[in-house]
């Protein structure tokens, strides 16, 4: 399947390892990027991959690096941290 080809509800359910009803519910709620073509619902693989990337939970290497770079975002001055 091409990267930007349209996927059906069943394709997306298999891709995300969930049920078709979950895919339909998430699309209807606007949680999954989707297209309505009449009564049909279709999805672009590239948009689903972007959505997955944005929806990732947990700390990423970039987020951890940003916290280190900001000195752990302490509420206390450097003098109070040392003692």
N, C-alpha and C. Protein backbone atom coordinates (compact mmCIF):
# COMPACT_ATOMS: atom_id res chain seq x y z
N UNK A 1 0.84 -1.18 0.00
CA UNK A 1 0.00 0.00 0.00
C UNK A 1 0.89 1.24 0.00
N UNK A 2 0.60 2.18 -0.89
CA UNK A 2 1.38 3.41 -0.97
C UNK A 2 1.22 4.23 0.31
N UNK A 3 2.24 5.04 0.60
CA UNK A 3 2.25 5.80 1.85
C UNK A 3 1.02 6.69 2.01
N UNK A 4 0.57 7.35 0.97
CA UNK A 4 -0.57 8.25 1.09
C UNK A 4 -1.87 7.68 0.54
N UNK A 5 -1.93 6.39 0.34
CA UNK A 5 -3.16 5.81 -0.15
C UNK A 5 -4.23 5.87 0.94
N UNK A 6 -5.48 5.87 0.50
CA UNK A 6 -6.58 5.91 1.46
C UNK A 6 -6.80 4.53 2.07
N UNK A 7 -7.10 4.52 3.35
CA UNK A 7 -7.32 3.28 4.08
C UNK A 7 -8.77 3.23 4.56
N UNK A 8 -9.31 2.03 4.64
CA UNK A 8 -10.66 1.83 5.16
C UNK A 8 -10.61 1.72 6.68
N UNK A 9 -11.78 1.69 7.29
CA UNK A 9 -11.88 1.51 8.74
C UNK A 9 -11.20 0.21 9.14
N UNK A 10 -11.42 -0.85 8.37
CA UNK A 10 -10.82 -2.15 8.71
C UNK A 10 -9.30 -2.12 8.53
N UNK A 11 -8.81 -1.41 7.52
CA UNK A 11 -7.36 -1.26 7.35
C UNK A 11 -6.74 -0.57 8.56
N UNK A 12 -7.39 0.51 9.00
CA UNK A 12 -6.88 1.28 10.13
C UNK A 12 -6.95 0.47 11.41
N UNK A 13 -8.03 -0.27 11.60
CA UNK A 13 -8.16 -1.12 12.78
C UNK A 13 -7.03 -2.14 12.84
N UNK A 14 -6.70 -2.74 11.71
CA UNK A 14 -5.59 -3.70 11.68
C UNK A 14 -4.26 -2.98 11.93
N UNK A 15 -4.08 -1.80 11.35
CA UNK A 15 -2.86 -1.03 11.51
C UNK A 15 -2.64 -0.60 12.96
N UNK A 16 -3.73 -0.19 13.63
CA UNK A 16 -3.64 0.27 15.02
C UNK A 16 -3.86 -0.85 16.04
N UNK A 17 -4.18 -2.03 15.55
CA UNK A 17 -4.45 -3.18 16.42
C UNK A 17 -5.58 -2.88 17.40
N UNK A 18 -6.70 -2.42 16.85
CA UNK A 18 -7.89 -2.17 17.66
C UNK A 18 -9.11 -2.58 16.84
N UNK A 19 -10.29 -2.40 17.39
CA UNK A 19 -11.50 -2.83 16.69
C UNK A 19 -11.98 -1.75 15.71
N UNK A 20 -12.69 -2.17 14.67
CA UNK A 20 -13.26 -1.20 13.74
C UNK A 20 -14.20 -0.20 14.43
N UNK A 21 -14.94 -0.66 15.44
CA UNK A 21 -15.85 0.27 16.14
C UNK A 21 -15.07 1.35 16.88
N UNK A 22 -13.89 1.03 17.39
CA UNK A 22 -13.04 2.03 18.04
C UNK A 22 -12.57 3.06 17.03
N UNK A 23 -12.19 2.61 15.85
CA UNK A 23 -11.76 3.51 14.78
C UNK A 23 -12.91 4.43 14.38
N UNK A 24 -14.10 3.87 14.19
CA UNK A 24 -15.27 4.68 13.81
C UNK A 24 -15.59 5.72 14.88
N UNK A 25 -15.55 5.30 16.14
CA UNK A 25 -15.87 6.20 17.26
C UNK A 25 -14.85 7.34 17.32
N UNK A 26 -13.57 7.02 17.20
CA UNK A 26 -12.52 8.05 17.27
C UNK A 26 -12.61 9.00 16.08
N UNK A 27 -12.94 8.49 14.91
CA UNK A 27 -13.08 9.34 13.72
C UNK A 27 -14.29 10.27 13.88
N UNK A 28 -15.40 9.74 14.38
CA UNK A 28 -16.61 10.54 14.57
C UNK A 28 -16.38 11.65 15.60
N UNK A 29 -15.56 11.37 16.61
CA UNK A 29 -15.26 12.35 17.65
C UNK A 29 -14.21 13.36 17.19
N UNK A 30 -13.59 13.11 16.04
CA UNK A 30 -12.55 14.01 15.55
C UNK A 30 -11.18 13.71 16.13
N UNK A 31 -11.05 12.57 16.82
CA UNK A 31 -9.76 12.21 17.41
C UNK A 31 -8.79 11.63 16.40
N UNK A 32 -9.30 11.01 15.36
CA UNK A 32 -8.47 10.47 14.27
C UNK A 32 -8.69 11.31 13.03
N UNK A 33 -7.63 11.68 12.31
CA UNK A 33 -7.82 12.44 11.07
C UNK A 33 -8.48 11.54 10.03
N UNK A 34 -9.61 11.98 9.50
CA UNK A 34 -10.35 11.15 8.56
C UNK A 34 -11.07 12.00 7.52
N UNK A 35 -11.58 11.34 6.49
CA UNK A 35 -12.32 11.98 5.41
C UNK A 35 -13.64 11.25 5.25
N UNK A 36 -14.72 12.00 5.04
CA UNK A 36 -16.01 11.41 4.73
C UNK A 36 -16.22 11.52 3.22
N UNK A 37 -16.53 10.40 2.63
CA UNK A 37 -16.85 10.34 1.21
C UNK A 37 -18.24 9.72 1.14
N UNK A 38 -19.25 10.58 1.15
CA UNK A 38 -20.61 10.08 1.27
C UNK A 38 -20.79 9.45 2.64
N UNK A 39 -21.14 8.18 2.66
CA UNK A 39 -21.29 7.46 3.92
C UNK A 39 -20.00 6.75 4.33
N UNK A 40 -19.02 6.79 3.48
CA UNK A 40 -17.76 6.10 3.75
C UNK A 40 -16.82 6.99 4.55
N UNK A 41 -15.97 6.36 5.35
CA UNK A 41 -14.92 7.07 6.09
C UNK A 41 -13.59 6.51 5.60
N UNK A 42 -12.68 7.40 5.24
CA UNK A 42 -11.36 6.98 4.76
C UNK A 42 -10.28 7.75 5.51
N UNK A 43 -9.09 7.17 5.53
CA UNK A 43 -7.97 7.70 6.29
C UNK A 43 -6.73 7.69 5.41
N UNK A 44 -5.85 8.69 5.58
CA UNK A 44 -4.55 8.70 4.90
C UNK A 44 -3.51 8.14 5.85
N UNK A 45 -2.73 7.20 5.36
CA UNK A 45 -1.70 6.56 6.20
C UNK A 45 -0.73 7.61 6.75
N UNK A 46 -0.30 8.55 5.93
CA UNK A 46 0.67 9.55 6.40
C UNK A 46 0.10 10.38 7.54
N UNK A 47 -1.19 10.71 7.49
CA UNK A 47 -1.82 11.48 8.57
C UNK A 47 -1.95 10.64 9.84
N UNK A 48 -2.23 9.36 9.68
CA UNK A 48 -2.28 8.47 10.85
C UNK A 48 -0.91 8.35 11.51
N UNK A 49 0.14 8.25 10.69
CA UNK A 49 1.49 8.17 11.24
C UNK A 49 1.85 9.44 12.00
N UNK A 50 1.47 10.60 11.46
CA UNK A 50 1.71 11.87 12.16
C UNK A 50 0.92 11.93 13.45
N UNK A 51 -0.33 11.48 13.41
CA UNK A 51 -1.18 11.46 14.60
C UNK A 51 -0.56 10.55 15.66
N UNK A 52 -0.08 9.40 15.26
CA UNK A 52 0.57 8.49 16.21
C UNK A 52 1.78 9.14 16.85
N UNK A 53 2.58 9.82 16.04
CA UNK A 53 3.77 10.48 16.56
C UNK A 53 3.40 11.56 17.58
N UNK A 54 2.37 12.35 17.26
CA UNK A 54 1.93 13.41 18.18
C UNK A 54 1.28 12.84 19.44
N UNK A 55 0.67 11.67 19.34
CA UNK A 55 -0.08 11.09 20.45
C UNK A 55 0.79 10.25 21.37
N UNK A 56 2.06 10.13 21.05
CA UNK A 56 2.96 9.28 21.84
C UNK A 56 3.01 9.75 23.29
N UNK A 57 2.92 8.82 24.20
CA UNK A 57 3.00 9.12 25.63
C UNK A 57 4.39 8.81 26.13
N UNK A 58 4.77 9.45 27.21
CA UNK A 58 6.10 9.22 27.77
C UNK A 58 7.06 10.28 27.28
N UNK A 59 8.21 10.28 27.88
CA UNK A 59 9.20 11.30 27.55
C UNK A 59 10.01 10.88 26.34
N UNK A 60 10.21 11.80 25.45
CA UNK A 60 11.05 11.54 24.29
C UNK A 60 12.45 12.06 24.59
N UNK A 61 13.38 11.66 23.79
CA UNK A 61 14.77 12.12 23.98
C UNK A 61 14.84 13.64 23.87
N UNK A 62 14.08 14.25 22.96
CA UNK A 62 14.09 15.71 22.82
C UNK A 62 13.57 16.39 24.08
N UNK A 63 12.50 15.85 24.67
CA UNK A 63 11.94 16.45 25.88
C UNK A 63 12.92 16.32 27.04
N UNK A 64 13.56 15.17 27.16
CA UNK A 64 14.54 14.99 28.24
C UNK A 64 15.72 15.95 28.07
N UNK A 65 16.16 16.14 26.84
CA UNK A 65 17.27 17.05 26.56
C UNK A 65 16.87 18.48 26.90
N UNK A 66 15.65 18.88 26.60
CA UNK A 66 15.18 20.24 26.89
C UNK A 66 15.16 20.50 28.39
N UNK A 67 14.73 19.52 29.19
CA UNK A 67 14.70 19.70 30.64
C UNK A 67 16.12 19.82 31.18
N UNK A 68 17.03 18.99 30.70
CA UNK A 68 18.44 19.09 31.13
C UNK A 68 19.00 20.46 30.78
N UNK A 69 18.68 20.95 29.59
CA UNK A 69 19.21 22.24 29.14
C UNK A 69 18.69 23.40 29.97
N UNK A 70 17.52 23.26 30.55
CA UNK A 70 16.95 24.34 31.36
C UNK A 70 17.28 24.19 32.84
N UNK A 71 18.23 23.36 33.19
CA UNK A 71 18.64 23.20 34.58
C UNK A 71 17.59 22.57 35.45
N UNK A 72 16.84 21.65 34.91
CA UNK A 72 15.81 20.90 35.62
C UNK A 72 14.65 21.77 36.11
N UNK A 73 14.54 23.01 35.63
CA UNK A 73 13.41 23.88 35.93
C UNK A 73 13.15 24.01 37.43
N UNK A 74 14.17 24.24 38.20
CA UNK A 74 14.04 24.32 39.65
C UNK A 74 13.33 25.60 40.09
N UNK A 75 12.54 25.47 41.15
CA UNK A 75 11.87 26.64 41.74
C UNK A 75 12.77 27.34 42.73
N UNK A 76 13.89 26.73 43.08
CA UNK A 76 14.79 27.27 44.07
C UNK A 76 16.04 27.83 43.40
N UNK A 77 16.68 28.80 44.05
CA UNK A 77 17.91 29.34 43.52
C UNK A 77 19.03 28.33 43.61
N UNK A 78 20.13 28.60 42.95
CA UNK A 78 21.26 27.67 42.97
C UNK A 78 21.83 27.48 44.36
N UNK A 79 21.81 28.54 45.19
CA UNK A 79 22.34 28.45 46.56
C UNK A 79 21.54 27.46 47.38
N UNK A 80 20.22 27.45 47.22
CA UNK A 80 19.37 26.55 48.00
C UNK A 80 19.49 25.12 47.52
N UNK A 81 19.79 24.90 46.23
CA UNK A 81 19.95 23.55 45.72
C UNK A 81 21.20 22.89 46.26
N UNK A 82 22.26 23.64 46.45
CA UNK A 82 23.53 23.09 46.91
C UNK A 82 23.44 22.67 48.37
N UNK A 83 22.63 23.30 49.15
CA UNK A 83 22.59 23.02 50.58
C UNK A 83 21.48 22.23 50.97
